[in-house]
Amino acid sequence: MNEGVVLQRRGPSLTALLRWSGLALVAGGLLLVVATALHPSRETPATILQAEVRLVAAHVLFTLSSLLVLLGLPGLYGAASTRMGRLGLVGFLLSFLGTMLIAVSGDFGFIAPVLAAESPATIDAISLYLPVVVLNGVAFGGFVIGFVLFGVAMAKTATFPRSSGVLVAVGAPAQVFGFALAQIVSPAWWTVAIFGSVALGAGLGWPGYQLWQNPAS
């Protein structure tokens, strides 16, 4: 039976849910790109104070982007869950978990300017604190592995454009590793993080736009 027929028989409420899920992914993808471009390439006490407005604004946008992606992912997965199989399910669960934990831990960006001004050494101490290290590891590990698996599953279905799945699978690790390398090695690596955010945002926004335009297709 055609998936569109199934959706139509389930009534307008599911169609509306898919449409709004699609719109949430489009908006979330756009905000992800803007937030990454706005965020300072380094997070040291000096750069945090120098770019305080940019840092806080970027974290506001990152938080909103994560919220929108979390609202949109279930609709994206639900639209092709039978075709995405177990790989898609595992990818969906891990990417959802990783995105949620990153959104929760992102509040550090709102207190970082205060810490940089009052107690710069505390910033490094927090980053090295074991529970924080574990939380960040689970968050970014789930984010990267989840979206890689989810992107591969997307690319294998006929429901979404194959290229959108490739963008998701490539974009998530590029964004995370670009961010990490920019902090550890050189700010020049921030361009990789921006590339990753563009790829991931486009990979989610493309099928999201399709759901918004025609959720029963």
Protein backbone atom coordinates (compact mmCIF):
# COMPACT_ATOMS: atom_id res chain seq x y z
CA MET A 1 0.00 0.00 0.00
CA ASN A 2 1.33 3.46 -0.87
CA GLU A 3 2.54 5.45 2.16
CA GLY A 4 0.60 8.49 1.00
CA VAL A 5 -2.63 6.50 1.05
CA VAL A 6 -1.86 5.33 4.59
CA LEU A 7 -1.30 8.89 5.75
CA GLN A 8 -4.49 10.11 4.16
CA ARG A 9 -6.51 7.37 5.85
CA ARG A 10 -5.09 8.29 9.25
CA GLY A 11 -6.67 11.70 9.02
CA PRO A 12 -5.63 15.35 8.81
CA SER A 13 -4.04 15.43 12.28
CA LEU A 14 -1.12 13.24 11.24
CA THR A 15 -0.70 15.21 8.03
CA ALA A 16 -0.57 18.43 10.02
CA LEU A 17 1.96 16.90 12.42
CA LEU A 18 4.24 15.93 9.54
CA ARG A 19 3.92 19.35 7.95
CA TRP A 20 4.88 21.15 11.14
CA SER A 21 7.69 18.67 11.77
CA GLY A 22 9.03 19.49 8.33
CA LEU A 23 8.85 23.22 8.96
CA ALA A 24 10.61 22.76 12.32
CA LEU A 25 13.50 20.98 10.56
CA VAL A 26 13.81 23.72 7.96
CA ALA A 27 13.95 26.41 10.64
CA GLY A 28 16.23 24.32 12.86
CA GLY A 29 18.65 23.72 10.01
CA LEU A 30 18.81 27.42 9.14
CA LEU A 31 19.38 28.46 12.75
CA LEU A 32 22.14 25.85 13.09
CA VAL A 33 24.07 27.46 10.25
CA VAL A 34 23.60 30.99 11.57
CA ALA A 35 24.57 29.97 15.11
CA THR A 36 27.77 28.24 13.97
CA ALA A 37 28.79 31.17 11.78
CA LEU A 38 28.12 33.59 14.65
CA HIS A 39 29.91 31.57 17.35
CA PRO A 40 33.54 32.55 18.12
CA SER A 41 36.04 30.05 16.73
CA ARG A 42 37.76 29.70 20.13
CA GLU A 43 36.41 29.53 23.68
CA THR A 44 39.14 30.85 25.95
CA PRO A 45 38.54 33.35 28.77
CA ALA A 46 39.96 36.13 26.59
CA THR A 47 37.92 35.31 23.47
CA ILE A 48 34.77 34.75 25.54
CA LEU A 49 35.01 38.27 26.95
CA GLN A 50 35.97 39.82 23.62
CA ALA A 51 33.04 38.19 21.80
CA GLU A 52 30.53 37.97 24.65
CA VAL A 53 27.55 39.20 22.64
CA ARG A 54 28.29 36.85 19.75
CA LEU A 55 28.82 33.91 22.09
CA VAL A 56 25.55 34.38 23.98
CA ALA A 57 23.59 35.07 20.80
CA ALA A 58 25.05 31.95 19.17
CA HIS A 59 24.07 29.79 22.14
CA VAL A 60 20.54 31.19 22.07
CA LEU A 61 20.31 30.18 18.41
CA PHE A 62 21.91 26.78 19.08
CA THR A 63 19.32 26.12 21.79
CA LEU A 64 16.43 27.12 19.51
CA SER A 65 17.91 25.05 16.68
CA SER A 66 18.17 21.97 18.90
CA LEU A 67 14.60 22.44 20.09
CA LEU A 68 13.29 22.66 16.54
CA VAL A 69 15.32 19.64 15.41
CA LEU A 70 13.98 17.64 18.36
CA LEU A 71 10.44 18.61 17.36
CA GLY A 72 11.05 17.72 13.73
CA LEU A 73 13.05 14.48 13.93
CA PRO A 74 10.14 12.25 15.04
CA GLY A 75 8.10 13.37 12.04
CA LEU A 76 11.00 12.81 9.67
CA TYR A 77 11.63 9.33 11.03
CA GLY A 78 7.91 8.51 11.19
CA ALA A 79 7.42 9.41 7.55
CA ALA A 80 9.77 6.61 6.46
CA SER A 81 10.24 4.41 9.54
CA THR A 82 9.30 1.16 7.79
CA ARG A 83 11.82 1.79 5.03
CA MET A 84 14.62 2.95 7.32
CA GLY A 85 14.61 -0.29 9.31
CA ARG A 86 16.63 -0.93 12.46
CA LEU A 87 19.49 1.24 11.26
CA GLY A 88 17.14 4.20 11.05
CA LEU A 89 15.66 3.47 14.47
CA VAL A 90 19.05 3.29 16.17
CA GLY A 91 20.17 6.42 14.33
CA PHE A 92 17.01 8.27 15.30
CA LEU A 93 17.30 7.36 18.99
CA LEU A 94 21.01 8.23 19.23
CA SER A 95 20.70 11.50 17.29
CA PHE A 96 17.69 12.51 19.39
CA LEU A 97 19.58 11.72 22.60
CA GLY A 98 22.73 13.52 21.45
CA THR A 99 20.82 16.62 20.33
CA MET A 100 18.91 16.74 23.62
CA LEU A 101 22.06 16.45 25.74
CA ILE A 102 23.88 19.08 23.68
CA ALA A 103 20.93 21.44 24.17
CA VAL A 104 21.03 20.82 27.93
CA SER A 105 24.79 21.30 28.23
CA GLY A 106 24.64 24.39 26.01
CA ASP A 107 23.63 26.56 28.96
CA PHE A 108 27.36 26.75 29.72
CA GLY A 109 27.53 29.35 26.97
CA PHE A 110 25.30 31.64 29.03
CA ILE A 111 27.45 31.52 32.18
CA ALA A 112 30.85 31.39 30.45
CA PRO A 113 31.19 35.22 30.22
CA VAL A 114 30.61 35.54 33.99
CA LEU A 115 33.17 32.83 34.71
CA ALA A 116 35.67 34.36 32.28
CA ALA A 117 35.42 37.69 34.08
CA GLU A 118 35.30 36.46 37.67
CA SER A 119 37.14 33.13 37.66
CA PRO A 120 38.86 32.22 34.36
CA ALA A 121 40.50 29.09 35.79
CA THR A 122 37.06 27.68 36.58
CA ILE A 123 36.28 27.35 32.87
CA ASP A 124 39.08 24.82 32.35
CA ALA A 125 38.24 23.11 35.65
CA ILE A 126 34.63 22.59 34.57
CA SER A 127 35.71 21.23 31.19
CA LEU A 128 37.96 18.67 32.90
CA TYR A 129 35.46 17.66 35.59
CA LEU A 130 34.73 13.95 35.06
CA PRO A 131 30.90 14.08 35.04
CA VAL A 132 31.06 16.91 32.49
CA VAL A 133 33.55 14.97 30.37
CA VAL A 134 31.27 11.92 30.43
CA LEU A 135 28.16 13.97 29.63
CA ASN A 136 29.89 15.69 26.71
CA GLY A 137 31.23 12.36 25.46
CA VAL A 138 27.78 10.78 25.47
CA ALA A 139 26.20 13.88 23.96
CA PHE A 140 28.61 14.37 21.08
CA GLY A 141 29.12 10.64 20.56
CA GLY A 142 25.38 10.09 20.27
CA PHE A 143 25.04 13.14 18.04
CA VAL A 144 27.76 12.04 15.60
CA ILE A 145 27.04 8.30 15.50
CA GLY A 146 23.29 8.85 15.52
CA PHE A 147 23.21 11.26 12.61
CA VAL A 148 25.71 9.18 10.62
CA LEU A 149 23.47 6.11 10.98
CA PHE A 150 20.31 8.14 10.43
CA GLY A 151 21.79 9.75 7.32
CA VAL A 152 22.82 6.38 5.89
CA ALA A 153 19.31 5.06 6.53
CA MET A 154 17.82 8.13 4.85
CA ALA A 155 20.03 7.63 1.81
CA LYS A 156 18.85 4.03 1.45
CA THR A 157 15.17 4.93 1.24
CA ALA A 158 13.22 6.21 -1.72
CA THR A 159 11.24 8.53 0.54
CA PHE A 160 13.86 11.27 0.78
CA PRO A 161 16.50 12.52 -1.67
CA ARG A 162 19.58 10.31 -1.39
CA SER A 163 21.80 13.40 -1.22
CA SER A 164 20.03 14.67 1.90
CA GLY A 165 21.04 11.51 3.76
CA VAL A 166 24.64 11.92 2.61
CA LEU A 167 24.64 15.53 3.84
CA VAL A 168 23.38 14.46 7.26
CA ALA A 169 25.92 11.63 7.55
CA VAL A 170 28.80 13.92 6.56
CA GLY A 171 27.62 17.11 8.25
CA ALA A 172 27.29 15.92 11.85
CA PRO A 173 30.86 14.62 12.28
CA ALA A 174 32.29 17.56 10.34
CA GLN A 175 30.57 20.04 12.64
CA VAL A 176 31.63 18.32 15.86
CA PHE A 177 35.22 17.55 14.88
CA GLY A 178 35.64 20.99 13.30
CA PHE A 179 34.53 22.56 16.57
CA ALA A 180 36.88 20.37 18.62
CA LEU A 181 39.89 20.90 16.36
CA ALA A 182 39.31 24.67 16.37
CA GLN A 183 39.61 24.65 20.17
CA ILE A 184 42.58 22.29 20.35
CA VAL A 185 44.62 22.86 17.20
CA SER A 186 43.83 26.07 15.34
CA PRO A 187 40.89 28.46 14.78
CA ALA A 188 41.28 27.73 11.06
CA TRP A 189 39.45 24.46 11.66
CA TRP A 190 36.29 26.43 12.42
CA THR A 191 35.61 26.51 8.68
CA VAL A 192 35.12 22.73 8.90
CA ALA A 193 32.54 23.26 11.66
CA ILE A 194 30.71 25.78 9.49
CA PHE A 195 30.80 23.39 6.53
CA GLY A 196 29.41 20.65 8.74
CA SER A 197 26.58 22.83 10.01
CA VAL A 198 25.66 23.83 6.45
CA ALA A 199 25.67 20.19 5.34
CA LEU A 200 23.68 18.96 8.36
CA GLY A 201 21.25 21.86 8.21
CA ALA A 202 20.64 21.31 4.51
CA GLY A 203 20.37 17.54 4.96
CA LEU A 204 17.62 17.97 7.54
CA GLY A 205 15.95 20.98 5.97
CA TRP A 206 15.66 19.48 2.48
CA PRO A 207 13.40 16.55 3.41
CA GLY A 208 11.80 18.80 6.01
CA TYR A 209 10.73 21.15 3.24
CA GLN A 210 9.33 18.20 1.33
CA LEU A 211 7.27 17.18 4.35
CA TRP A 212 6.04 20.75 4.73
CA GLN A 213 5.01 20.96 1.09
CA ASN A 214 3.58 17.47 0.63
CA PRO A 215 3.40 15.35 3.80
CA ALA A 216 1.33 12.64 2.11
CA SER A 217 3.82 11.94 -0.70
